[in-house]
C-alpha atoms as a PDB file:
ATOM      1  CA  MET A   1       7.525   0.036   5.111  1.00  0.00           C
ATOM      2  CA  GLY A   2       9.874  -2.696   4.068  1.00  0.00           C
ATOM      3  CA  GLY A   3      10.439  -5.249   1.389  1.00  0.00           C
ATOM      4  CA  VAL A   4      11.421  -4.832  -2.244  1.00  0.00           C
ATOM      5  CA  ALA A   5       9.192  -3.786  -5.126  1.00  0.00           C
ATOM      6  CA  SER A   6       8.743  -6.842  -7.340  1.00  0.00           C
ATOM      7  CA  ILE A   7       8.199  -6.264 -11.061  1.00  0.00           C
ATOM      8  CA  PRO A   8       6.484  -9.258 -12.700  1.00  0.00           C
ATOM      9  CA  THR A   9       8.058 -10.650 -15.863  1.00  0.00           C
ATOM     10  CA  ASP A  10       5.173 -12.939 -16.828  1.00  0.00           C
ATOM     11  CA  PRO A  11       1.870 -10.993 -17.048  1.00  0.00           C
ATOM     12  CA  SER A  12      -0.072 -14.218 -17.502  1.00  0.00           C
ATOM     13  CA  ARG A  13       0.485 -15.198 -13.835  1.00  0.00           C
ATOM     14  CA  ARG A  14      -2.652 -14.860 -11.694  1.00  0.00           C
ATOM     15  CA  ILE A  15      -3.346 -13.879  -8.100  1.00  0.00           C
ATOM     16  CA  GLN A  16      -3.574 -16.991  -5.913  1.00  0.00           C
ATOM     17  CA  VAL A  17      -3.641 -15.425  -2.442  1.00  0.00           C
ATOM     18  CA  ILE A  18      -5.029 -12.104  -1.202  1.00  0.00           C
ATOM     19  CA  SER A  19      -3.805 -10.860   2.178  1.00  0.00           C
ATOM     20  CA  ALA A  20      -6.781  -8.612   2.889  1.00  0.00           C
ATOM     21  CA  GLY A  21      -5.722  -7.069   6.200  1.00  0.00           C
ATOM     22  CA  TYR A  22      -5.648  -3.280   6.447  1.00  0.00           C
ATOM     23  CA  SER A  23      -2.282  -1.497   6.581  1.00  0.00           C
ATOM     24  CA  ARG A  24      -0.400  -1.876   9.874  1.00  0.00           C
ATOM     25  CA  THR A  25      -1.751  -5.380  10.486  1.00  0.00           C
ATOM     26  CA  GLY A  26       1.492  -7.120   9.550  1.00  0.00           C
ATOM     27  CA  THR A  27       1.168  -6.693   5.792  1.00  0.00           C
ATOM     28  CA  VAL A  28       4.922  -6.789   5.156  1.00  0.00           C
ATOM     29  CA  SER A  29       5.290  -9.906   7.306  1.00  0.00           C
ATOM     30  CA  MET A  30       2.498 -11.548   5.306  1.00  0.00           C
ATOM     31  CA  SER A  31       4.005 -10.526   1.972  1.00  0.00           C
ATOM     32  CA  MET A  32       7.344 -12.027   3.034  1.00  0.00           C
ATOM     33  CA  ALA A  33       5.628 -15.215   4.199  1.00  0.00           C
ATOM     34  CA  LEU A  34       3.682 -15.528   0.950  1.00  0.00           C
ATOM     35  CA  ALA A  35       6.856 -14.952  -1.058  1.00  0.00           C
ATOM     36  CA  LYS A  36       8.242 -18.023   0.723  1.00  0.00           C
ATOM     37  CA  LEU A  37       5.151 -20.179   0.192  1.00  0.00           C
ATOM     38  CA  VAL A  38       3.826 -19.154  -3.234  1.00  0.00           C
ATOM     39  CA  ASP A  39       6.052 -19.323  -6.299  1.00  0.00           C
ATOM     40  CA  GLY A  40       6.063 -15.894  -7.899  1.00  0.00           C
ATOM     41  CA  PRO A  41       6.181 -12.138  -7.197  1.00  0.00           C
ATOM     42  CA  VAL A  42       4.114 -10.719  -4.331  1.00  0.00           C
ATOM     43  CA  LEU A  43       2.463  -7.305  -4.570  1.00  0.00           C
ATOM     44  CA  HIS A  44       2.897  -5.376  -1.316  1.00  0.00           C
ATOM     45  CA  GLY A  45       0.929  -2.214  -2.074  1.00  0.00           C
ATOM     46  CA  GLY A  46       2.839   0.300   0.027  1.00  0.00           C
ATOM     47  CA  THR A  47       6.222  -0.880  -1.231  1.00  0.00           C
ATOM     48  CA  GLN A  48       5.087  -0.863  -4.860  1.00  0.00           C
ATOM     49  CA  ILE A  49       3.614   2.645  -4.615  1.00  0.00           C
ATOM     50  CA  LEU A  50       6.784   4.070  -3.061  1.00  0.00           C
ATOM     51  CA  LEU A  51       9.393   2.268  -5.140  1.00  0.00           C
ATOM     52  CA  ARG A  52       7.847   1.850  -8.603  1.00  0.00           C
ATOM     53  CA  ASP A  53       7.583   4.462 -11.355  1.00  0.00           C
ATOM     54  CA  ASP A  54       5.018   7.210 -11.970  1.00  0.00           C
ATOM     55  CA  ASP A  55       2.806   5.001 -14.102  1.00  0.00           C
ATOM     56  CA  TYR A  56       2.228   2.425 -11.394  1.00  0.00           C
ATOM     57  CA  CYS A  57       0.984   4.899  -8.782  1.00  0.00           C
ATOM     58  CA  SER A  58      -1.021   6.687 -11.480  1.00  0.00           C
ATOM     59  CA  THR A  59      -2.744   3.418 -12.412  1.00  0.00           C
ATOM     60  CA  TRP A  60      -4.116   2.985  -8.891  1.00  0.00           C
ATOM     61  CA  ILE A  61      -5.176   6.647  -8.781  1.00  0.00           C
ATOM     62  CA  LYS A  62      -7.136   6.153 -12.004  1.00  0.00           C
ATOM     63  CA  ALA A  63      -8.695   2.992 -10.531  1.00  0.00           C
ATOM     64  CA  TYR A  64      -9.924   4.942  -7.484  1.00  0.00           C
ATOM     65  CA  GLU A  65     -11.309   7.692  -9.723  1.00  0.00           C
ATOM     66  CA  ALA A  66     -13.027   5.208 -12.042  1.00  0.00           C
ATOM     67  CA  ARG A  67     -14.638   3.463  -9.068  1.00  0.00           C
ATOM     68  CA  GLU A  68     -15.874   6.764  -7.649  1.00  0.00           C
ATOM     69  CA  ALA A  69     -17.307   7.617 -11.075  1.00  0.00           C
ATOM     70  CA  GLY A  70     -19.143   4.284 -11.153  1.00  0.00           C
ATOM     71  CA  ASP A  71     -17.239   3.006 -14.185  1.00  0.00           C
ATOM     72  CA  ARG A  72     -17.001  -0.674 -13.287  1.00  0.00           C
ATOM     73  CA  GLU A  73     -15.386  -1.855 -16.533  1.00  0.00           C
ATOM     74  CA  LEU A  74     -12.623   0.745 -16.388  1.00  0.00           C
ATOM     75  CA  THR A  75     -12.027   0.011 -12.699  1.00  0.00           C
ATOM     76  CA  LEU A  76     -11.569  -3.693 -13.434  1.00  0.00           C
ATOM     77  CA  LYS A  77      -9.281  -2.928 -16.379  1.00  0.00           C
ATOM     78  CA  LEU A  78      -7.026  -0.727 -14.235  1.00  0.00           C
ATOM     79  CA  VAL A  79      -6.935  -3.155 -11.304  1.00  0.00           C
ATOM     80  CA  ARG A  80      -6.061  -5.952 -13.733  1.00  0.00           C
ATOM     81  CA  LYS A  81      -3.210  -3.831 -15.105  1.00  0.00           C
ATOM     82  CA  ALA A  82      -1.878  -3.078 -11.596  1.00  0.00           C
ATOM     83  CA  THR A  83      -2.017  -6.723 -10.469  1.00  0.00           C
ATOM     84  CA  ALA A  84      -1.023  -8.529 -13.678  1.00  0.00           C
ATOM     85  CA  GLY A  85       1.767 -11.040 -13.167  1.00  0.00           C
ATOM     86  CA  PHE A  86       1.599 -11.141  -9.371  1.00  0.00           C
ATOM     87  CA  VAL A  87       0.691 -14.330  -7.504  1.00  0.00           C
ATOM     88  CA  ALA A  88      -0.283 -12.694  -4.194  1.00  0.00           C
ATOM     89  CA  THR A  89      -1.200  -9.276  -2.795  1.00  0.00           C
ATOM     90  CA  ALA A  90      -0.975  -7.516   0.557  1.00  0.00           C
ATOM     91  CA  ASP A  91      -1.617  -4.044   1.990  1.00  0.00           C
ATOM     92  CA  LEU A  92      -3.379  -1.076   0.404  1.00  0.00           C
ATOM     93  CA  PRO A  93      -4.436  -0.404  -2.283  1.00  0.00           C
ATOM     94  CA  PRO A  94      -5.139  -4.073  -3.196  1.00  0.00           C
ATOM     95  CA  SER A  95      -7.041  -4.752   0.034  1.00  0.00           C
ATOM     96  CA  ASP A  96      -9.196  -1.700  -0.711  1.00  0.00           C
ATOM     97  CA  PHE A  97     -10.142  -3.234  -4.076  1.00  0.00           C
ATOM     98  CA  LEU A  98     -11.037  -6.651  -2.691  1.00  0.00           C
ATOM     99  CA  PRO A  99     -14.342  -7.004  -4.632  1.00  0.00           C
ATOM    100  CA  GLU A 100     -12.627  -6.184  -7.927  1.00  0.00           C
ATOM    101  CA  ILE A 101      -9.647  -8.479  -7.287  1.00  0.00           C
ATOM    102  CA  MET A 102     -11.964 -11.326  -6.287  1.00  0.00           C
ATOM    103  CA  GLU A 103     -13.924 -10.817  -9.507  1.00  0.00           C
ATOM    104  CA  LEU A 104     -10.750 -10.856 -11.587  1.00  0.00           C
ATOM    105  CA  TYR A 105      -9.256 -13.834  -9.710  1.00  0.00           C
ATOM    106  CA  PRO A 106     -12.219 -15.858  -8.381  1.00  0.00           C
ATOM    107  CA  ASP A 107     -10.043 -18.827  -7.353  1.00  0.00           C
ATOM    108  CA  ALA A 108      -7.847 -16.769  -5.041  1.00  0.00           C
ATOM    109  CA  LYS A 109      -7.817 -17.553  -1.328  1.00  0.00           C
ATOM    110  CA  VAL A 110      -8.115 -14.710   1.171  1.00  0.00           C
ATOM    111  CA  VAL A 111      -6.196 -14.278   4.436  1.00  0.00           C
ATOM    112  CA  LEU A 112      -7.313 -11.758   7.073  1.00  0.00           C
ATOM    113  CA  VAL A 113      -4.755 -10.979   9.767  1.00  0.00           C
ATOM    114  CA  ARG A 114      -6.358  -9.891  13.036  1.00  0.00           C
ATOM    115  CA  ARG A 115      -4.993  -7.150  15.284  1.00  0.00           C
ATOM    116  CA  ASP A 116      -6.292  -5.372  18.375  1.00  0.00           C
ATOM    117  CA  PRO A 117      -8.185  -2.317  16.995  1.00  0.00           C
ATOM    118  CA  GLU A 118      -6.950   0.057  19.709  1.00  0.00           C
ATOM    119  CA  ARG A 119      -3.288  -0.826  19.171  1.00  0.00           C
ATOM    120  CA  TRP A 120      -3.812  -0.696  15.412  1.00  0.00           C
ATOM    121  CA  TRP A 121      -5.298   2.797  15.603  1.00  0.00           C
ATOM    122  CA  ASN A 122      -2.454   4.086  17.769  1.00  0.00           C
ATOM    123  CA  SER A 123      -0.021   2.832  15.126  1.00  0.00           C
ATOM    124  CA  ILE A 124      -1.986   4.294  12.199  1.00  0.00           C
ATOM    125  CA  ALA A 125      -2.472   7.678  13.895  1.00  0.00           C
ATOM    126  CA  ALA A 126       1.213   7.979  14.788  1.00  0.00           C
ATOM    127  CA  LEU A 127       2.327   7.091  11.258  1.00  0.00           C
ATOM    128  CA  THR A 128      -0.260   9.372   9.599  1.00  0.00           C
ATOM    129  CA  SER A 129       0.709  12.380  11.706  1.00  0.00           C
ATOM    130  CA  LYS A 130       4.329  12.014  10.559  1.00  0.00           C
ATOM    131  CA  THR A 131       3.686  11.391   6.867  1.00  0.00           C
ATOM    132  CA  THR A 132       0.904  13.840   5.918  1.00  0.00           C
ATOM    133  CA  PRO A 133       2.301  17.391   6.366  1.00  0.00           C
ATOM    134  CA  TRP A 134       0.639  20.104   4.251  1.00  0.00           C
ATOM    135  CA  TRP A 135       3.873  20.734   2.330  1.00  0.00           C
ATOM    136  CA  LEU A 136       4.350  17.116   1.197  1.00  0.00           C
ATOM    137  CA  GLY A 137       2.838  17.695  -2.265  1.00  0.00           C
ATOM    138  CA  VAL A 138       5.253  20.565  -2.917  1.00  0.00           C
ATOM    139  CA  VAL A 139       8.464  18.822  -1.915  1.00  0.00           C
ATOM    140  CA  VAL A 140       7.800  15.568  -3.815  1.00  0.00           C
ATOM    141  CA  ALA A 141       6.513  17.293  -6.981  1.00  0.00           C
ATOM    142  CA  PRO A 142       9.853  17.065  -8.863  1.00  0.00           C
ATOM    143  CA  ILE A 143      10.543  13.454  -7.879  1.00  0.00           C
ATOM    144  CA  PRO A 144       9.494  10.754 -10.391  1.00  0.00           C
ATOM    145  CA  GLY A 145       7.607   7.923  -8.720  1.00  0.00           C
ATOM    146  CA  TRP A 146       6.544  10.051  -5.754  1.00  0.00           C
ATOM    147  CA  ARG A 147       4.886  13.098  -7.315  1.00  0.00           C
ATOM    148  CA  HIS A 148       1.489  11.339  -7.360  1.00  0.00           C
ATOM    149  CA  ILE A 149       1.658  10.051  -3.786  1.00  0.00           C
ATOM    150  CA  PRO A 150      -0.215  12.991  -2.132  1.00  0.00           C
ATOM    151  CA  LYS A 151      -3.167  12.522  -4.517  1.00  0.00           C
ATOM    152  CA  PHE A 152      -3.078   8.768  -4.017  1.00  0.00           C
ATOM    153  CA  ALA A 153      -3.075   9.253  -0.230  1.00  0.00           C
ATOM    154  CA  SER A 154      -6.120  11.542  -0.414  1.00  0.00           C
ATOM    155  CA  LEU A 155      -8.044   8.995  -2.489  1.00  0.00           C
ATOM    156  CA  TYR A 156      -7.374   6.002  -0.263  1.00  0.00           C
ATOM    157  CA  CYS A 157      -8.020   8.068   2.877  1.00  0.00           C
ATOM    158  CA  ARG A 158     -11.344   9.136   1.400  1.00  0.00           C
ATOM    159  CA  SER A 159     -12.161   5.499   0.754  1.00  0.00           C
ATOM    160  CA  THR A 160     -11.116   4.566   4.296  1.00  0.00           C
ATOM    161  CA  LEU A 161     -13.153   7.346   5.893  1.00  0.00           C
ATOM    162  CA  ARG A 162     -16.284   5.996   4.242  1.00  0.00           C
ATOM    163  CA  LEU A 163     -15.952   3.164   6.743  1.00  0.00           C
ATOM    164  CA  ALA A 164     -16.261   5.862   9.429  1.00  0.00           C
ATOM    165  CA  GLY A 165     -19.412   7.236   7.795  1.00  0.00           C
ATOM    166  CA  MET A 166     -17.708  10.268   6.217  1.00  0.00           C
ATOM    167  CA  ASN A 167     -18.477  10.882   2.544  1.00  0.00           C
ATOM    168  CA  GLU A 168     -16.804  14.230   1.943  1.00  0.00           C
ATOM    169  CA  LYS A 169     -14.843  14.551  -1.310  1.00  0.00           C
ATOM    170  CA  ASN A 170     -12.361  17.218  -0.247  1.00  0.00           C
ATOM    171  CA  VAL A 171     -10.334  15.089   2.130  1.00  0.00           C
ATOM    172  CA  HIS A 172      -6.731  15.537   3.229  1.00  0.00           C
ATOM    173  CA  PRO A 173      -4.922  12.472   4.614  1.00  0.00           C
ATOM    174  CA  SER A 174      -4.593  14.226   7.983  1.00  0.00           C
ATOM    175  CA  ASP A 175      -8.410  14.062   8.259  1.00  0.00           C
ATOM    176  CA  LEU A 176      -7.949  10.375   8.970  1.00  0.00           C
ATOM    177  CA  ILE A 177      -6.776  11.296  12.468  1.00  0.00           C
ATOM    178  CA  LYS A 178      -9.710  13.647  13.010  1.00  0.00           C
ATOM    179  CA  TRP A 179     -12.483  11.345  11.802  1.00  0.00           C
ATOM    180  CA  GLY A 180     -11.000   7.889  12.141  1.00  0.00           C
ATOM    181  CA  GLY A 181     -10.604   5.508  15.049  1.00  0.00           C
ATOM    182  CA  PRO A 182     -10.380   1.831  15.993  1.00  0.00           C
ATOM    183  CA  HIS A 183     -13.833   1.251  14.495  1.00  0.00           C
ATOM    184  CA  ILE A 184     -12.323   1.586  11.001  1.00  0.00           C
ATOM    185  CA  LEU A 185     -10.388  -1.658  11.399  1.00  0.00           C
ATOM    186  CA  THR A 186     -13.482  -3.388  12.756  1.00  0.00           C
ATOM    187  CA  ALA A 187     -15.535  -2.137   9.808  1.00  0.00           C
ATOM    188  CA  HIS A 188     -12.851  -3.190   7.324  1.00  0.00           C
ATOM    189  CA  ASN A 189     -12.670  -6.707   8.752  1.00  0.00           C
ATOM    190  CA  GLU A 190     -16.444  -7.053   8.716  1.00  0.00           C
ATOM    191  CA  ARG A 191     -16.435  -5.955   5.074  1.00  0.00           C
ATOM    192  CA  VAL A 192     -13.896  -8.657   4.222  1.00  0.00           C
ATOM    193  CA  ARG A 193     -15.986 -11.298   6.006  1.00  0.00           C
ATOM    194  CA  SER A 194     -19.104 -10.199   4.117  1.00  0.00           C
ATOM    195  CA  LEU A 195     -17.355 -10.444   0.738  1.00  0.00           C
ATOM    196  CA  VAL A 196     -15.433 -13.715   1.036  1.00  0.00           C
ATOM    197  CA  PRO A 197     -17.056 -17.166   1.267  1.00  0.00           C
ATOM    198  CA  LYS A 198     -16.060 -18.861   4.534  1.00  0.00           C
ATOM    199  CA  GLU A 199     -14.358 -21.751   2.774  1.00  0.00           C
ATOM    200  CA  ASN A 200     -12.027 -19.294   0.998  1.00  0.00           C
ATOM    201  CA  LEU A 201     -11.201 -17.176   4.084  1.00  0.00           C
ATOM    202  CA  LEU A 202      -8.561 -17.716   6.758  1.00  0.00           C
ATOM    203  CA  GLU A 203      -8.522 -15.459   9.828  1.00  0.00           C
ATOM    204  CA  MET A 204      -5.319 -15.647  11.818  1.00  0.00           C
ATOM    205  CA  ASP A 205      -2.966 -13.837  14.168  1.00  0.00           C
ATOM    206  CA  LEU A 206       0.677 -13.429  13.210  1.00  0.00           C
ATOM    207  CA  SER A 207       1.623 -15.037  16.521  1.00  0.00           C
ATOM    208  CA  GLN A 208       0.202 -18.333  15.193  1.00  0.00           C
ATOM    209  CA  GLY A 209       3.112 -18.607  12.768  1.00  0.00           C
ATOM    210  CA  TRP A 210       3.316 -20.817   9.696  1.00  0.00           C
ATOM    211  CA  GLU A 211       0.908 -23.629  10.575  1.00  0.00           C
ATOM    212  CA  PRO A 212      -2.556 -22.127   9.900  1.00  0.00           C
ATOM    213  CA  LEU A 213      -1.383 -20.335   6.763  1.00  0.00           C
ATOM    214  CA  CYS A 214       0.366 -23.398   5.316  1.00  0.00           C
ATOM    215  CA  HIS A 215      -2.596 -25.656   6.121  1.00  0.00           C
ATOM    216  CA  PHE A 216      -4.953 -23.184   4.433  1.00  0.00           C
ATOM    217  CA  LEU A 217      -2.798 -22.974   1.302  1.00  0.00           C
ATOM    218  CA  GLY A 218      -2.018 -26.690   1.225  1.00  0.00           C
ATOM    219  CA  VAL A 219       1.764 -26.261   1.299  1.00  0.00           C
ATOM    220  CA  PRO A 220       4.478 -27.715   3.582  1.00  0.00           C
ATOM    221  CA  VAL A 221       5.418 -25.829   6.741  1.00  0.00           C
ATOM    222  CA  PRO A 222       8.919 -24.293   6.440  1.00  0.00           C
ATOM    223  CA  ARG A 223      11.198 -25.878   8.989  1.00  0.00           C
ATOM    224  CA  ASP A 224      14.308 -23.871   8.193  1.00  0.00           C
ATOM    225  CA  GLU A 225      13.216 -20.389   9.322  1.00  0.00           C
ATOM    226  CA  PRO A 226      10.801 -18.626  11.697  1.00  0.00           C
ATOM    227  CA  PHE A 227       7.700 -16.827  10.488  1.00  0.00           C
ATOM    228  CA  PRO A 228       8.806 -13.379   9.242  1.00  0.00           C
ATOM    229  CA  ARG A 229       8.141 -10.369  11.469  1.00  0.00           C
ATOM    230  CA  ALA A 230       8.750  -6.960   9.933  1.00  0.00           C
ATOM    231  CA  ASN A 231       7.475  -3.400   9.589  1.00  0.00           C
ATOM    232  CA  ASP A 232       7.010  -2.500  13.231  1.00  0.00           C
ATOM    233  CA  ALA A 233       6.685   1.148  14.273  1.00  0.00           C
ATOM    234  CA  GLU A 234      10.451   1.645  14.523  1.00  0.00           C
ATOM    235  CA  ALA A 235      11.031   0.262  11.029  1.00  0.00           C
ATOM    236  CA  ALA A 236       8.321   2.536   9.605  1.00  0.00           C
ATOM    237  CA  ASP A 237       9.957   5.562  11.264  1.00  0.00           C
ATOM    238  CA  GLN A 238      13.319   4.615   9.786  1.00  0.00           C
ATOM    239  CA  TYR A 239      11.800   4.252   6.317  1.00  0.00           C
ATOM    240  CA  ALA A 240      10.083   7.662   6.586  1.00  0.00           C
ATOM    241  CA  THR A 241      13.411   9.201   7.573  1.00  0.00           C
ATOM    242  CA  LYS A 242      15.105   7.688   4.512  1.00  0.00           C
ATOM    243  CA  ILE A 243      12.394   9.141   2.274  1.00  0.00           C
ATOM    244  CA  LEU A 244      12.776  12.624   3.777  1.00  0.00           C
ATOM    245  CA  LEU A 245      16.563  12.452   3.344  1.00  0.00           C
ATOM    246  CA  LYS A 246      16.179  11.492  -0.306  1.00  0.00           C
ATOM    247  CA  VAL A 247      13.756  14.378  -0.850  1.00  0.00           C
ATOM    248  CA  LEU A 248      16.227  16.740   0.820  1.00  0.00           C
ATOM    249  CA  LEU A 249      19.067  15.569  -1.429  1.00  0.00           C
ATOM    250  CA  VAL A 250      16.921  16.074  -4.546  1.00  0.00           C
ATOM    251  CA  TRP A 251      16.098  19.647  -3.539  1.00  0.00           C
ATOM    252  CA  VAL A 252      19.737  20.375  -2.657  1.00  0.00           C
ATOM    253  CA  GLY A 253      20.605  19.251  -6.173  1.00  0.00           C
ATOM    254  CA  ILE A 254      17.892  21.443  -7.685  1.00  0.00           C
ATOM    255  CA  PHE A 255      18.983  24.542  -5.771  1.00  0.00           C
ATOM    256  CA  SER A 256      22.641  23.836  -6.592  1.00  0.00           C
ATOM    257  CA  ALA A 257      21.858  23.545 -10.307  1.00  0.00           C
ATOM    258  CA  VAL A 258      19.829  26.760 -10.236  1.00  0.00           C
ATOM    259  CA  GLY A 259      22.618  28.532  -8.358  1.00  0.00           C
ATOM    260  CA  VAL A 260      25.281  27.419 -10.841  1.00  0.00           C
ATOM    261  CA  ALA A 261      23.093  28.400 -13.797  1.00  0.00           C
ATOM    262  CA  GLY A 262      22.381  31.790 -12.257  1.00  0.00           C
ATOM    263  CA  TYR A 263      26.042  32.450 -11.505  1.00  0.00           C
ATOM    264  CA  SER A 264      27.051  31.424 -15.031  1.00  0.00           C
ATOM    265  CA  ALA A 265      24.419  33.676 -16.590  1.00  0.00           C
ATOM    266  CA  PHE A 266      25.521  36.587 -14.394  1.00  0.00           C
ATOM    267  CA  SER A 267      29.169  36.024 -15.330  1.00  0.00           C
ATOM    268  CA  LEU A 268      28.313  35.969 -19.047  1.00  0.00           C
ATOM    269  CA  TRP A 269      26.252  39.141 -18.673  1.00  0.00           C
ATOM    270  CA  LYS A 270      29.175  40.967 -17.018  1.00  0.00           C
ATOM    271  CA  MET A 271      31.498  39.865 -19.797  1.00  0.00           C
END
């Protein structure tokens, strides 16, 4: 992934910019750019889910469940809780709750980063195949902040697969590879265009740099640094490796503690 999980200190701050592109369309680059241009903390969904506490991930899970149950008021309440204090959003799950975020923050401007659907799908499929093994739920169960991630992944994958015409409830994240394809990105982008008034929507490519984004937001173009580029496939692989190493260390600690306790109990029993 990339970036740092921001924790807002002023819950009265409101969302000003929504980067509505699907994951793997330069969401970290956009969150870094918005952090430069908009004064305040930026919510990059993937980073927040992975680096915040149990309650944060659980809040988005409850929002997905409330939306599936048709409870609009509860959905809005939970999305408001998850976004309170941020001035901009990027990545999933915020981009998956675009109608709710637009209702909560009607003055927010929306940016849609374009990417070739075929190249996007190759990136998504490669990342999904590495991060959705069947044993993931077991190994992260004892780790605060990550124990809810498998359930969260199933919910957002189920939401994503609806764009592919699949409405099954018992979905595993690996089903995204089976049922998904480049058409998901096309469908997502069309959904964004149908929801956002043209005067509030900017479509751009990352290769265009600062100019279109700054013009859209009405802010000066930074002259002291290039447009940020982050979270390519190699960086995502490195981040996944770090996560697996941390999980391994946690389990080594658990087994070591159990071994010491068992040896101590056996020694006491012999005495």
